[in-house]
Amino acid sequence: MHVASRSARRSIPSSPLVAAAVAVALAQATAARGYAADTAGDVVRNWNQIKRDDERGGEIFGDIPETLPSTLYAKKILKRAADAGHGSEPADGLLAEVKRVVDAGEDPELALRRAADEYRQRVEAE
């Protein structure tokens, strides 16, 4: 069920029927583990907890490769913290900026590359 649910969640945008089936499957999977869910948000929170339990032994962050590019590492840290209910704004300015970029729906690695390219072009134009 876990692998099937993960695969099904990836296809959600393709069909409203698939989205409904996935929602039911996630609700059933979380209920089978003893989690109650009154709303879709509850189902998602429960599912994230199940993933933490299954994949990371209940740890919020688990194993994140140290070799990831810094912006991808930061993005994973922010997502896993938010999934665990820690959605507060990071105190560090740079990490807060990565969060702002991710919240805007952008990839921080690509956003930084674009900003650097734009800066380079401005410098070269002077």
PDB file of N, CA and C in Angstrom:
ATOM      1  N   MET A   1       0.822  -1.186   0.000  1.00  0.00           N
ATOM      2  CA  MET A   1       0.000   0.000   0.000  1.00  0.00           C
ATOM      3  C   MET A   1       0.868   1.253   0.000  1.00  0.00           C
ATOM      4  N   HIS A   2       1.978   1.234   0.762  1.00  0.00           N
ATOM      5  CA  HIS A   2       2.840   2.402   0.860  1.00  0.00           C
ATOM      6  C   HIS A   2       3.379   2.810  -0.512  1.00  0.00           C
ATOM      7  N   VAL A   3       3.937   1.872  -1.265  1.00  0.00           N
ATOM      8  CA  VAL A   3       4.490   2.177  -2.578  1.00  0.00           C
ATOM      9  C   VAL A   3       3.382   2.586  -3.530  1.00  0.00           C
ATOM     10  N   ALA A   4       2.253   1.885  -3.479  1.00  0.00           N
ATOM     11  CA  ALA A   4       1.130   2.223  -4.347  1.00  0.00           C
ATOM     12  C   ALA A   4       0.619   3.623  -4.044  1.00  0.00           C
ATOM     13  N   SER A   5       0.540   3.975  -2.783  1.00  0.00           N
ATOM     14  CA  SER A   5       0.066   5.307  -2.414  1.00  0.00           C
ATOM     15  C   SER A   5       1.038   6.376  -2.883  1.00  0.00           C
ATOM     16  N   ARG A   6       2.342   6.114  -2.729  1.00  0.00           N
ATOM     17  CA  ARG A   6       3.341   7.082  -3.170  1.00  0.00           C
ATOM     18  C   ARG A   6       3.242   7.287  -4.677  1.00  0.00           C
ATOM     19  N   SER A   7       3.096   6.195  -5.435  1.00  0.00           N
ATOM     20  CA  SER A   7       2.967   6.297  -6.886  1.00  0.00           C
ATOM     21  C   SER A   7       1.687   7.008  -7.263  1.00  0.00           C
ATOM     22  N   ALA A   8       0.622   6.710  -6.568  1.00  0.00           N
ATOM     23  CA  ALA A   8      -0.665   7.334  -6.871  1.00  0.00           C
ATOM     24  C   ALA A   8      -0.615   8.829  -6.589  1.00  0.00           C
ATOM     25  N   ARG A   9       0.038   9.239  -5.494  1.00  0.00           N
ATOM     26  CA  ARG A   9       0.108  10.661  -5.166  1.00  0.00           C
ATOM     27  C   ARG A   9       0.821  11.433  -6.260  1.00  0.00           C
ATOM     28  N   ARG A  10       1.770  10.835  -6.930  1.00  0.00           N
ATOM     29  CA  ARG A  10       2.497  11.520  -7.999  1.00  0.00           C
ATOM     30  C   ARG A  10       1.600  11.799  -9.198  1.00  0.00           C
ATOM     31  N   SER A  11       0.521  11.036  -9.365  1.00  0.00           N
ATOM     32  CA  SER A  11      -0.343  11.215 -10.535  1.00  0.00           C
ATOM     33  C   SER A  11      -1.577  12.040 -10.225  1.00  0.00           C
ATOM     34  N   ILE A  12      -1.654  12.638  -9.050  1.00  0.00           N
ATOM     35  CA  ILE A  12      -2.836  13.398  -8.659  1.00  0.00           C
ATOM     36  C   ILE A  12      -3.237  14.454  -9.692  1.00  0.00           C
ATOM     37  N   PRO A  13      -2.309  15.256 -10.229  1.00  0.00           N
ATOM     38  CA  PRO A  13      -2.751  16.302 -11.142  1.00  0.00           C
ATOM     39  C   PRO A  13      -3.427  15.784 -12.418  1.00  0.00           C
ATOM     40  N   SER A  14      -3.255  14.520 -12.762  1.00  0.00           N
ATOM     41  CA  SER A  14      -3.751  14.036 -14.038  1.00  0.00           C
ATOM     42  C   SER A  14      -5.250  13.834 -14.080  1.00  0.00           C
ATOM     43  N   SER A  15      -5.914  13.663 -12.961  1.00  0.00           N
ATOM     44  CA  SER A  15      -7.332  13.372 -13.000  1.00  0.00           C
ATOM     45  C   SER A  15      -7.987  13.619 -11.652  1.00  0.00           C
ATOM     46  N   PRO A  16      -9.157  14.266 -11.645  1.00  0.00           N
ATOM     47  CA  PRO A  16      -9.871  14.438 -10.384  1.00  0.00           C
ATOM     48  C   PRO A  16     -10.282  13.098  -9.774  1.00  0.00           C
ATOM     49  N   LEU A  17     -10.578  12.105 -10.623  1.00  0.00           N
ATOM     50  CA  LEU A  17     -10.937  10.787 -10.107  1.00  0.00           C
ATOM     51  C   LEU A  17      -9.760  10.135  -9.406  1.00  0.00           C
ATOM     52  N   VAL A  18      -8.580  10.316  -9.973  1.00  0.00           N
ATOM     53  CA  VAL A  18      -7.379   9.777  -9.332  1.00  0.00           C
ATOM     54  C   VAL A  18      -7.156  10.487  -8.005  1.00  0.00           C
ATOM     55  N   ALA A  19      -7.347  11.811  -7.985  1.00  0.00           N
ATOM     56  CA  ALA A  19      -7.169  12.573  -6.749  1.00  0.00           C
ATOM     57  C   ALA A  19      -8.117  12.079  -5.672  1.00  0.00           C
ATOM     58  N   ALA A  20      -9.366  11.817  -6.037  1.00  0.00           N
ATOM     59  CA  ALA A  20     -10.343  11.325  -5.064  1.00  0.00           C
ATOM     60  C   ALA A  20      -9.955   9.939  -4.564  1.00  0.00           C
ATOM     61  N   ALA A  21      -9.522   9.083  -5.476  1.00  0.00           N
ATOM     62  CA  ALA A  21      -9.117   7.726  -5.086  1.00  0.00           C
ATOM     63  C   ALA A  21      -7.908   7.764  -4.165  1.00  0.00           C
ATOM     64  N   VAL A  22      -6.973   8.652  -4.451  1.00  0.00           N
ATOM     65  CA  VAL A  22      -5.783   8.773  -3.609  1.00  0.00           C
ATOM     66  C   VAL A  22      -6.174   9.290  -2.227  1.00  0.00           C
ATOM     67  N   ALA A  23      -7.064  10.266  -2.182  1.00  0.00           N
ATOM     68  CA  ALA A  23      -7.510  10.795  -0.894  1.00  0.00           C
ATOM     69  C   ALA A  23      -8.146   9.696  -0.050  1.00  0.00           C
ATOM     70  N   VAL A  24      -8.971   8.874  -0.685  1.00  0.00           N
ATOM     71  CA  VAL A  24      -9.601   7.758   0.034  1.00  0.00           C
ATOM     72  C   VAL A  24      -8.544   6.767   0.495  1.00  0.00           C
ATOM     73  N   ALA A  25      -7.595   6.435  -0.393  1.00  0.00           N
ATOM     74  CA  ALA A  25      -6.546   5.475  -0.042  1.00  0.00           C
ATOM     75  C   ALA A  25      -5.693   5.986   1.117  1.00  0.00           C
ATOM     76  N   LEU A  26      -5.345   7.284   1.091  1.00  0.00           N
ATOM     77  CA  LEU A  26      -4.553   7.851   2.188  1.00  0.00           C
ATOM     78  C   LEU A  26      -5.344   7.840   3.492  1.00  0.00           C
ATOM     79  N   ALA A  27      -6.626   8.182   3.414  1.00  0.00           N
ATOM     80  CA  ALA A  27      -7.460   8.172   4.617  1.00  0.00           C
ATOM     81  C   ALA A  27      -7.548   6.757   5.188  1.00  0.00           C
ATOM     82  N   GLN A  28      -7.720   5.774   4.303  1.00  0.00           N
ATOM     83  CA  GLN A  28      -7.800   4.384   4.758  1.00  0.00           C
ATOM     84  C   GLN A  28      -6.472   3.923   5.353  1.00  0.00           C
ATOM     85  N   ALA A  29      -5.372   4.305   4.711  1.00  0.00           N
ATOM     86  CA  ALA A  29      -4.050   3.892   5.201  1.00  0.00           C
ATOM     87  C   ALA A  29      -3.766   4.498   6.563  1.00  0.00           C
ATOM     88  N   THR A  30      -4.129   5.773   6.754  1.00  0.00           N
ATOM     89  CA  THR A  30      -3.880   6.392   8.051  1.00  0.00           C
ATOM     90  C   THR A  30      -4.818   5.826   9.109  1.00  0.00           C
ATOM     91  N   ALA A  31      -6.073   5.556   8.743  1.00  0.00           N
ATOM     92  CA  ALA A  31      -7.024   4.971   9.697  1.00  0.00           C
ATOM     93  C   ALA A  31      -6.578   3.573  10.120  1.00  0.00           C
ATOM     94  N   ALA A  32      -6.034   2.815   9.167  1.00  0.00           N
ATOM     95  CA  ALA A  32      -5.567   1.454   9.475  1.00  0.00           C
ATOM     96  C   ALA A  32      -4.425   1.474  10.487  1.00  0.00           C
ATOM     97  N   ARG A  33      -3.697   2.569  10.545  1.00  0.00           N
ATOM     98  CA  ARG A  33      -2.591   2.703  11.504  1.00  0.00           C
ATOM     99  C   ARG A  33      -3.046   3.322  12.825  1.00  0.00           C
ATOM    100  N   GLY A  34      -4.357   3.587  12.932  1.00  0.00           N
ATOM    101  CA  GLY A  34      -4.884   4.121  14.180  1.00  0.00           C
ATOM    102  C   GLY A  34      -4.928   5.628  14.263  1.00  0.00           C
ATOM    103  N   TYR A  35      -4.757   6.306  13.162  1.00  0.00           N
ATOM    104  CA  TYR A  35      -4.817   7.763  13.150  1.00  0.00           C
ATOM    105  C   TYR A  35      -6.219   8.213  12.747  1.00  0.00           C
ATOM    106  N   ALA A  36      -6.795   9.147  13.491  1.00  0.00           N
ATOM    107  CA  ALA A  36      -8.102   9.696  13.143  1.00  0.00           C
ATOM    108  C   ALA A  36      -7.901  10.916  12.257  1.00  0.00           C
ATOM    109  N   ALA A  37      -8.802  11.096  11.304  1.00  0.00           N
ATOM    110  CA  ALA A  37      -8.705  12.237  10.397  1.00  0.00           C
ATOM    111  C   ALA A  37     -10.098  12.758  10.087  1.00  0.00           C
ATOM    112  N   ASP A  38     -10.329  14.013  10.445  1.00  0.00           N
ATOM    113  CA  ASP A  38     -11.614  14.650  10.158  1.00  0.00           C
ATOM    114  C   ASP A  38     -11.552  15.516   8.904  1.00  0.00           C
ATOM    115  N   THR A  39     -10.360  15.951   8.544  1.00  0.00           N
ATOM    116  CA  THR A  39     -10.196  16.824   7.388  1.00  0.00           C
ATOM    117  C   THR A  39      -9.079  16.299   6.491  1.00  0.00           C
ATOM    118  N   ALA A  40      -8.995  16.856   5.299  1.00  0.00           N
ATOM    119  CA  ALA A  40      -7.906  16.489   4.383  1.00  0.00           C
ATOM    120  C   ALA A  40      -6.559  16.862   4.994  1.00  0.00           C
ATOM    121  N   GLY A  41      -6.519  17.975   5.713  1.00  0.00           N
ATOM    122  CA  GLY A  41      -5.277  18.380   6.382  1.00  0.00           C
ATOM    123  C   GLY A  41      -4.837  17.363   7.416  1.00  0.00           C
ATOM    124  N   ASP A  42      -5.819  16.790   8.135  1.00  0.00           N
ATOM    125  CA  ASP A  42      -5.502  15.740   9.107  1.00  0.00           C
ATOM    126  C   ASP A  42      -4.898  14.523   8.415  1.00  0.00           C
ATOM    127  N   VAL A  43      -5.469  14.164   7.260  1.00  0.00           N
ATOM    128  CA  VAL A  43      -4.966  13.007   6.512  1.00  0.00           C
ATOM    129  C   VAL A  43      -3.515  13.244   6.103  1.00  0.00           C
ATOM    130  N   VAL A  44      -3.231  14.440   5.588  1.00  0.00           N
ATOM    131  CA  VAL A  44      -1.864  14.753   5.149  1.00  0.00           C
ATOM    132  C   VAL A  44      -0.907  14.734   6.339  1.00  0.00           C
ATOM    133  N   ARG A  45      -1.301  15.355   7.462  1.00  0.00           N
ATOM    134  CA  ARG A  45      -0.449  15.346   8.658  1.00  0.00           C
ATOM    135  C   ARG A  45      -0.185  13.920   9.131  1.00  0.00           C
ATOM    136  N   ASN A  46      -1.244  13.113   9.142  1.00  0.00           N
ATOM    137  CA  ASN A  46      -1.079  11.719   9.562  1.00  0.00           C
ATOM    138  C   ASN A  46      -0.162  10.969   8.616  1.00  0.00           C
ATOM    139  N   TRP A  47      -0.332  11.194   7.323  1.00  0.00           N
ATOM    140  CA  TRP A  47       0.499  10.501   6.338  1.00  0.00           C
ATOM    141  C   TRP A  47       1.966  10.886   6.507  1.00  0.00           C
ATOM    142  N   ASN A  48       2.214  12.171   6.753  1.00  0.00           N
ATOM    143  CA  ASN A  48       3.593  12.611   6.975  1.00  0.00           C
ATOM    144  C   ASN A  48       4.179  11.946   8.216  1.00  0.00           C
ATOM    145  N   GLN A  49       3.365  11.774   9.264  1.00  0.00           N
ATOM    146  CA  GLN A  49       3.844  11.092  10.469  1.00  0.00           C
ATOM    147  C   GLN A  49       4.164   9.633  10.163  1.00  0.00           C
ATOM    148  N   ILE A  50       3.299   8.978   9.393  1.00  0.00           N
ATOM    149  CA  ILE A  50       3.554   7.582   9.016  1.00  0.00           C
ATOM    150  C   ILE A  50       4.850   7.479   8.231  1.00  0.00           C
ATOM    151  N   LYS A  51       5.068   8.408   7.293  1.00  0.00           N
ATOM    152  CA  LYS A  51       6.322   8.400   6.525  1.00  0.00           C
ATOM    153  C   LYS A  51       7.516   8.586   7.449  1.00  0.00           C
ATOM    154  N   ARG A  52       7.399   9.531   8.411  1.00  0.00           N
ATOM    155  CA  ARG A  52       8.504   9.727   9.363  1.00  0.00           C
ATOM    156  C   ARG A  52       8.773   8.448  10.136  1.00  0.00           C
ATOM    157  N   ASP A  53       7.703   7.793  10.579  1.00  0.00           N
ATOM    158  CA  ASP A  53       7.872   6.556  11.345  1.00  0.00           C
ATOM    159  C   ASP A  53       8.510   5.461  10.497  1.00  0.00           C
ATOM    160  N   ASP A  54       8.013   5.284   9.270  1.00  0.00           N
ATOM    161  CA  ASP A  54       8.483   4.206   8.395  1.00  0.00           C
ATOM    162  C   ASP A  54       9.872   4.469   7.825  1.00  0.00           C
ATOM    163  N   GLU A  55      10.099   5.679   7.360  1.00  0.00           N
ATOM    164  CA  GLU A  55      11.322   5.973   6.619  1.00  0.00           C
ATOM    165  C   GLU A  55      12.450   6.531   7.490  1.00  0.00           C
ATOM    166  N   ARG A  56      12.077   7.195   8.606  1.00  0.00           N
ATOM    167  CA  ARG A  56      13.107   7.868   9.396  1.00  0.00           C
ATOM    168  C   ARG A  56      13.054   7.480  10.865  1.00  0.00           C
ATOM    169  N   GLY A  57      12.359   6.390  11.164  1.00  0.00           N
ATOM    170  CA  GLY A  57      12.287   5.934  12.557  1.00  0.00           C
ATOM    171  C   GLY A  57      11.662   6.951  13.486  1.00  0.00           C
ATOM    172  N   GLY A  58      10.774   7.788  12.966  1.00  0.00           N
ATOM    173  CA  GLY A  58      10.107   8.791  13.783  1.00  0.00           C
ATOM    174  C   GLY A  58      10.861  10.102  13.897  1.00  0.00           C
ATOM    175  N   GLU A  59      12.084  10.142  13.410  1.00  0.00           N
ATOM    176  CA  GLU A  59      12.868  11.377  13.472  1.00  0.00           C
ATOM    177  C   GLU A  59      12.319  12.395  12.478  1.00  0.00           C
ATOM    178  N   ILE A  60      12.388  13.650  12.829  1.00  0.00           N
ATOM    179  CA  ILE A  60      11.888  14.697  11.932  1.00  0.00           C
ATOM    180  C   ILE A  60      12.723  14.748  10.665  1.00  0.00           C
ATOM    181  N   PHE A  61      14.032  14.745  10.798  1.00  0.00           N
ATOM    182  CA  PHE A  61      14.890  14.941   9.630  1.00  0.00           C
ATOM    183  C   PHE A  61      15.441  13.647   9.062  1.00  0.00           C
ATOM    184  N   GLY A  62      15.719  12.675   9.896  1.00  0.00           N
ATOM    185  CA  GLY A  62      16.259  11.429   9.396  1.00  0.00           C
ATOM    186  C   GLY A  62      17.587  11.640   8.698  1.00  0.00           C
ATOM    187  N   ASP A  63      17.856  10.798   7.728  1.00  0.00           N
ATOM    188  CA  ASP A  63      19.124  10.836   7.004  1.00  0.00           C
ATOM    189  C   ASP A  63      18.989  11.712   5.769  1.00  0.00           C
ATOM    190  N   ILE A  64      19.634  12.854   5.775  1.00  0.00           N
ATOM    191  CA  ILE A  64      19.686  13.735   4.605  1.00  0.00           C
ATOM    192  C   ILE A  64      21.147  13.781   4.180  1.00  0.00           C
ATOM    193  N   PRO A  65      21.433  13.405   2.942  1.00  0.00           N
ATOM    194  CA  PRO A  65      22.832  13.347   2.503  1.00  0.00           C
ATOM    195  C   PRO A  65      23.554  14.691   2.662  1.00  0.00           C
ATOM    196  N   GLU A  66      24.698  14.646   3.260  1.00  0.00           N
ATOM    197  CA  GLU A  66      25.512  15.848   3.464  1.00  0.00           C
ATOM    198  C   GLU A  66      26.054  16.396   2.144  1.00  0.00           C
ATOM    199  N   THR A  67      26.045  15.570   1.106  1.00  0.00           N
ATOM    200  CA  THR A  67      26.630  15.976  -0.172  1.00  0.00           C
ATOM    201  C   THR A  67      25.656  16.732  -1.069  1.00  0.00           C
ATOM    202  N   LEU A  68      24.422  16.931  -0.611  1.00  0.00           N
ATOM    203  CA  LEU A  68      23.460  17.682  -1.419  1.00  0.00           C
ATOM    204  C   LEU A  68      23.922  19.122  -1.585  1.00  0.00           C
ATOM    205  N   PRO A  69      23.595  19.758  -2.712  1.00  0.00           N
ATOM    206  CA  PRO A  69      23.854  21.204  -2.811  1.00  0.00           C
ATOM    207  C   PRO A  69      23.143  21.917  -1.653  1.00  0.00           C
ATOM    208  N   SER A  70      23.716  22.984  -1.178  1.00  0.00           N
ATOM    209  CA  SER A  70      23.213  23.652   0.017  1.00  0.00           C
ATOM    210  C   SER A  70      21.757  24.078  -0.090  1.00  0.00           C
ATOM    211  N   THR A  71      21.350  24.586  -1.249  1.00  0.00           N
ATOM    212  CA  THR A  71      19.959  25.029  -1.360  1.00  0.00           C
ATOM    213  C   THR A  71      18.996  23.848  -1.333  1.00  0.00           C
ATOM    214  N   LEU A  72      19.374  22.724  -1.923  1.00  0.00           N
ATOM    215  CA  LEU A  72      18.522  21.535  -1.886  1.00  0.00           C
ATOM    216  C   LEU A  72      18.474  20.968  -0.465  1.00  0.00           C
ATOM    217  N   TYR A  73      19.607  20.978   0.207  1.00  0.00           N
ATOM    218  CA  TYR A  73      19.658  20.535   1.603  1.00  0.00           C
ATOM    219  C   TYR A  73      18.727  21.400   2.456  1.00  0.00           C
ATOM    220  N   ALA A  74      18.820  22.714   2.283  1.00  0.00           N
ATOM    221  CA  ALA A  74      17.975  23.640   3.041  1.00  0.00           C
ATOM    222  C   ALA A  74      16.498  23.409   2.731  1.00  0.00           C
ATOM    223  N   LYS A  75      16.180  23.188   1.452  1.00  0.00           N
ATOM    224  CA  LYS A  75      14.795  22.938   1.043  1.00  0.00           C
ATOM    225  C   LYS A  75      14.248  21.687   1.733  1.00  0.00           C
ATOM    226  N   LYS A  76      15.044  20.614   1.798  1.00  0.00           N
ATOM    227  CA  LYS A  76      14.613  19.382   2.464  1.00  0.00           C
ATOM    228  C   LYS A  76      14.422  19.606   3.968  1.00  0.00           C
ATOM    229  N   ILE A  77      15.327  20.340   4.586  1.00  0.00           N
ATOM    230  CA  ILE A  77      15.213  20.636   6.015  1.00  0.00           C
ATOM    231  C   ILE A  77      13.926  21.406   6.282  1.00  0.00           C
ATOM    232  N   LEU A  78      13.660  22.423   5.471  1.00  0.00           N
ATOM    233  CA  LEU A  78      12.461  23.238   5.653  1.00  0.00           C
ATOM    234  C   LEU A  78      11.185  22.417   5.449  1.00  0.00           C
ATOM    235  N   LYS A  79      11.172  21.562   4.419  1.00  0.00           N
ATOM    236  CA  LYS A  79       9.978  20.758   4.143  1.00  0.00           C
ATOM    237  C   LYS A  79       9.723  19.755   5.253  1.00  0.00           C
ATOM    238  N   ARG A  80      10.760  19.070   5.693  1.00  0.00           N
ATOM    239  CA  ARG A  80      10.574  18.071   6.747  1.00  0.00           C
ATOM    240  C   ARG A  80      10.164  18.726   8.062  1.00  0.00           C
ATOM    241  N   ALA A  81      10.699  19.902   8.346  1.00  0.00           N
ATOM    242  CA  ALA A  81      10.289  20.625   9.560  1.00  0.00           C
ATOM    243  C   ALA A  81       8.818  21.023   9.457  1.00  0.00           C
ATOM    244  N   ALA A  82       8.421  21.540   8.302  1.00  0.00           N
ATOM    245  CA  ALA A  82       7.023  21.942   8.098  1.00  0.00           C
ATOM    246  C   ALA A  82       6.091  20.741   8.168  1.00  0.00           C
ATOM    247  N   ASP A  83       6.501  19.620   7.570  1.00  0.00           N
ATOM    248  CA  ASP A  83       5.688  18.395   7.609  1.00  0.00           C
ATOM    249  C   ASP A  83       5.476  17.907   9.040  1.00  0.00           C
ATOM    250  N   ALA A  84       6.423  18.227   9.918  1.00  0.00           N
ATOM    251  CA  ALA A  84       6.323  17.815  11.311  1.00  0.00           C
ATOM    252  C   ALA A  84       5.627  18.873  12.165  1.00  0.00           C
ATOM    253  N   GLY A  85       5.121  19.936  11.517  1.00  0.00           N
ATOM    254  CA  GLY A  85       4.388  20.969  12.246  1.00  0.00           C
ATOM    255  C   GLY A  85       5.225  22.132  12.719  1.00  0.00           C
ATOM    256  N   HIS A  86       6.453  22.232  12.234  1.00  0.00           N
ATOM    257  CA  HIS A  86       7.341  23.337  12.613  1.00  0.00           C
ATOM    258  C   HIS A  86       7.461  24.293  11.431  1.00  0.00           C
ATOM    259  N   GLY A  87       6.429  25.081  11.198  1.00  0.00           N
ATOM    260  CA  GLY A  87       6.416  25.959  10.032  1.00  0.00           C
ATOM    261  C   GLY A  87       6.844  27.374  10.317  1.00  0.00           C
ATOM    262  N   SER A  88       7.470  27.609  11.468  1.00  0.00           N
ATOM    263  CA  SER A  88       7.861  28.971  11.816  1.00  0.00           C
ATOM    264  C   SER A  88       8.947  29.484  10.878  1.00  0.00           C
ATOM    265  N   GLU A  89       9.034  30.781  10.826  1.00  0.00           N
ATOM    266  CA  GLU A  89      10.036  31.420   9.961  1.00  0.00           C
ATOM    267  C   GLU A  89      11.430  31.211  10.537  1.00  0.00           C
ATOM    268  N   PRO A  90      12.378  30.727   9.711  1.00  0.00           N
ATOM    269  CA  PRO A  90      13.750  30.543  10.210  1.00  0.00           C
ATOM    270  C   PRO A  90      14.357  31.878  10.632  1.00  0.00           C
ATOM    271  N   ALA A  91      15.154  31.865  11.690  1.00  0.00           N
ATOM    272  CA  ALA A  91      15.782  33.084  12.194  1.00  0.00           C
ATOM    273  C   ALA A  91      16.895  33.551  11.264  1.00  0.00           C
ATOM    274  N   ASP A  92      17.575  32.628  10.621  1.00  0.00           N
ATOM    275  CA  ASP A  92      18.684  32.965   9.731  1.00  0.00           C
ATOM    276  C   ASP A  92      18.146  33.581   8.444  1.00  0.00           C
ATOM    277  N   GLY A  93      18.699  34.705   8.050  1.00  0.00           N
ATOM    278  CA  GLY A  93      18.231  35.413   6.853  1.00  0.00           C
ATOM    279  C   GLY A  93      18.357  34.608   5.575  1.00  0.00           C
ATOM    280  N   LEU A  94      19.453  33.905   5.406  1.00  0.00           N
ATOM    281  CA  LEU A  94      19.662  33.133   4.189  1.00  0.00           C
ATOM    282  C   LEU A  94      18.680  31.973   4.102  1.00  0.00           C
ATOM    283  N   LEU A  95      18.486  31.266   5.211  1.00  0.00           N
ATOM    284  CA  LEU A  95      17.528  30.164   5.226  1.00  0.00           C
ATOM    285  C   LEU A  95      16.104  30.690   5.034  1.00  0.00           C
ATOM    286  N   ALA A  96      15.806  31.842   5.603  1.00  0.00           N
ATOM    287  CA  ALA A  96      14.489  32.465   5.410  1.00  0.00           C
ATOM    288  C   ALA A  96      14.268  32.805   3.939  1.00  0.00           C
ATOM    289  N   GLU A  97      15.308  33.225   3.255  1.00  0.00           N
ATOM    290  CA  GLU A  97      15.188  33.537   1.824  1.00  0.00           C
ATOM    291  C   GLU A  97      14.938  32.278   1.012  1.00  0.00           C
ATOM    292  N   VAL A  98      15.606  31.174   1.346  1.00  0.00           N
ATOM    293  CA  VAL A  98      15.333  29.898   0.675  1.00  0.00           C
ATOM    294  C   VAL A  98      13.880  29.515   0.894  1.00  0.00           C
ATOM    295  N   LYS A  99      13.373  29.683   2.113  1.00  0.00           N
ATOM    296  CA  LYS A  99      11.970  29.374   2.404  1.00  0.00           C
ATOM    297  C   LYS A  99      11.046  30.249   1.561  1.00  0.00           C
ATOM    298  N   ARG A 100      11.354  31.534   1.464  1.00  0.00           N
ATOM    299  CA  ARG A 100      10.534  32.454   0.669  1.00  0.00           C
ATOM    300  C   ARG A 100      10.476  32.010  -0.796  1.00  0.00           C
ATOM    301  N   VAL A 101      11.611  31.606  -1.341  1.00  0.00           N
ATOM    302  CA  VAL A 101      11.679  31.156  -2.727  1.00  0.00           C
ATOM    303  C   VAL A 101      10.880  29.865  -2.908  1.00  0.00           C
ATOM    304  N   VAL A 102      11.035  28.922  -1.996  1.00  0.00           N
ATOM    305  CA  VAL A 102      10.295  27.658  -2.068  1.00  0.00           C
ATOM    306  C   VAL A 102       8.797  27.912  -1.936  1.00  0.00           C
ATOM    307  N   ASP A 103       8.409  28.777  -0.987  1.00  0.00           N
ATOM    308  CA  ASP A 103       6.998  29.104  -0.795  1.00  0.00           C
ATOM    309  C   ASP A 103       6.392  29.772  -2.035  1.00  0.00           C
ATOM    310  N   ALA A 104       7.229  30.443  -2.813  1.00  0.00           N
ATOM    311  CA  ALA A 104       6.774  31.071  -4.047  1.00  0.00           C
ATOM    312  C   ALA A 104       6.679  30.075  -5.201  1.00  0.00           C
ATOM    313  N   GLY A 105       7.042  28.809  -4.920  1.00  0.00           N
ATOM    314  CA  GLY A 105       6.932  27.770  -5.934  1.00  0.00           C
ATOM    315  C   GLY A 105       8.145  27.645  -6.840  1.00  0.00           C
ATOM    316  N   GLU A 106       9.244  28.256  -6.430  1.00  0.00           N
ATOM    317  CA  GLU A 106      10.462  28.197  -7.237  1.00  0.00           C
ATOM    318  C   GLU A 106      11.461  27.222  -6.631  1.00  0.00           C
ATOM    319  N   ASP A 107      12.364  26.759  -7.457  1.00  0.00           N
ATOM    320  CA  ASP A 107      13.472  25.928  -6.995  1.00  0.00           C
ATOM    321  C   ASP A 107      14.594  26.871  -6.573  1.00  0.00           C
ATOM    322  N   PRO A 108      15.064  26.788  -5.328  1.00  0.00           N
ATOM    323  CA  PRO A 108      16.075  27.743  -4.869  1.00  0.00           C
ATOM    324  C   PRO A 108      17.394  27.649  -5.632  1.00  0.00           C
ATOM    325  N   GLU A 109      17.745  26.458  -6.072  1.00  0.00           N
ATOM    326  CA  GLU A 109      18.985  26.297  -6.832  1.00  0.00           C
ATOM    327  C   GLU A 109      18.889  27.073  -8.148  1.00  0.00           C
ATOM    328  N   LEU A 110      17.766  26.927  -8.840  1.00  0.00           N
ATOM    329  CA  LEU A 110      17.565  27.625 -10.113  1.00  0.00           C
ATOM    330  C   LEU A 110      17.411  29.125  -9.903  1.00  0.00           C
ATOM    331  N   ALA A 111      16.749  29.523  -8.818  1.00  0.00           N
ATOM    332  CA  ALA A 111      16.575  30.947  -8.531  1.00  0.00           C
ATOM    333  C   ALA A 111      17.926  31.611  -8.266  1.00  0.00           C
ATOM    334  N   LEU A 112      18.790  30.937  -7.522  1.00  0.00           N
ATOM    335  CA  LEU A 112      20.123  31.489  -7.254  1.00  0.00           C
ATOM    336  C   LEU A 112      20.938  31.568  -8.537  1.00  0.00           C
ATOM    337  N   ARG A 113      20.848  30.534  -9.375  1.00  0.00           N
ATOM    338  CA  ARG A 113      21.568  30.544 -10.658  1.00  0.00           C
ATOM    339  C   ARG A 113      21.102  31.726 -11.519  1.00  0.00           C
ATOM    340  N   ARG A 114      19.762  31.919 -11.574  1.00  0.00           N
ATOM    341  CA  ARG A 114      19.203  33.007 -12.380  1.00  0.00           C
ATOM    342  C   ARG A 114      19.671  34.361 -11.842  1.00  0.00           C
ATOM    343  N   ALA A 115      19.646  34.529 -10.508  1.00  0.00           N
ATOM    344  CA  ALA A 115      20.081  35.791  -9.908  1.00  0.00           C
ATOM    345  C   ALA A 115      21.558  36.055 -10.201  1.00  0.00           C
ATOM    346  N   ALA A 116      22.377  35.015 -10.113  1.00  0.00           N
ATOM    347  CA  ALA A 116      23.804  35.175 -10.409  1.00  0.00           C
ATOM    348  C   ALA A 116      24.019  35.534 -11.872  1.00  0.00           C
ATOM    349  N   ASP A 117      23.274  34.894 -12.776  1.00  0.00           N
ATOM    350  CA  ASP A 117      23.390  35.206 -14.206  1.00  0.00           C
ATOM    351  C   ASP A 117      22.965  36.638 -14.500  1.00  0.00           C
ATOM    352  N   GLU A 118      21.880  37.079 -13.857  1.00  0.00           N
ATOM    353  CA  GLU A 118      21.425  38.461 -14.056  1.00  0.00           C
ATOM    354  C   GLU A 118      22.455  39.455 -13.538  1.00  0.00           C
ATOM    355  N   TYR A 119      23.055  39.172 -12.382  1.00  0.00           N
ATOM    356  CA  TYR A 119      24.099  40.030 -11.827  1.00  0.00           C
ATOM    357  C   TYR A 119      25.298  40.075 -12.770  1.00  0.00           C
ATOM    358  N   ARG A 120      25.679  38.922 -13.261  1.00  0.00           N
ATOM    359  CA  ARG A 120      26.809  38.843 -14.193  1.00  0.00           C
ATOM    360  C   ARG A 120      26.555  39.697 -15.426  1.00  0.00           C
ATOM    361  N   GLN A 121      25.356  39.612 -15.972  1.00  0.00           N
ATOM    362  CA  GLN A 121      25.019  40.393 -17.165  1.00  0.00           C
ATOM    363  C   GLN A 121      25.062  41.892 -16.889  1.00  0.00           C
ATOM    364  N   ARG A 122      24.572  42.298 -15.690  1.00  0.00           N
ATOM    365  CA  ARG A 122      24.625  43.729 -15.341  1.00  0.00           C
ATOM    366  C   ARG A 122      26.063  44.210 -15.218  1.00  0.00           C
ATOM    367  N   VAL A 123      26.915  43.399 -14.592  1.00  0.00           N
ATOM    368  CA  VAL A 123      28.324  43.777 -14.434  1.00  0.00           C
ATOM    369  C   VAL A 123      29.001  43.866 -15.799  1.00  0.00           C
ATOM    370  N   GLU A 124      28.718  42.881 -16.661  1.00  0.00           N
ATOM    371  CA  GLU A 124      29.336  42.889 -17.988  1.00  0.00           C
ATOM    372  C   GLU A 124      28.849  44.043 -18.847  1.00  0.00           C
ATOM    373  N   ALA A 125      27.634  44.548 -18.577  1.00  0.00           N
ATOM    374  CA  ALA A 125      27.079  45.641 -19.363  1.00  0.00           C
ATOM    375  C   ALA A 125      27.645  47.007 -18.935  1.00  0.00           C
ATOM    376  N   GLU A 126      28.280  47.071 -17.755  1.00  0.00           N
ATOM    377  CA  GLU A 126      28.811  48.362 -17.262  1.00  0.00           C
ATOM    378  C   GLU A 126      30.018  48.811 -18.048  1.00  0.00           C
TER     379      GLU A 126
END
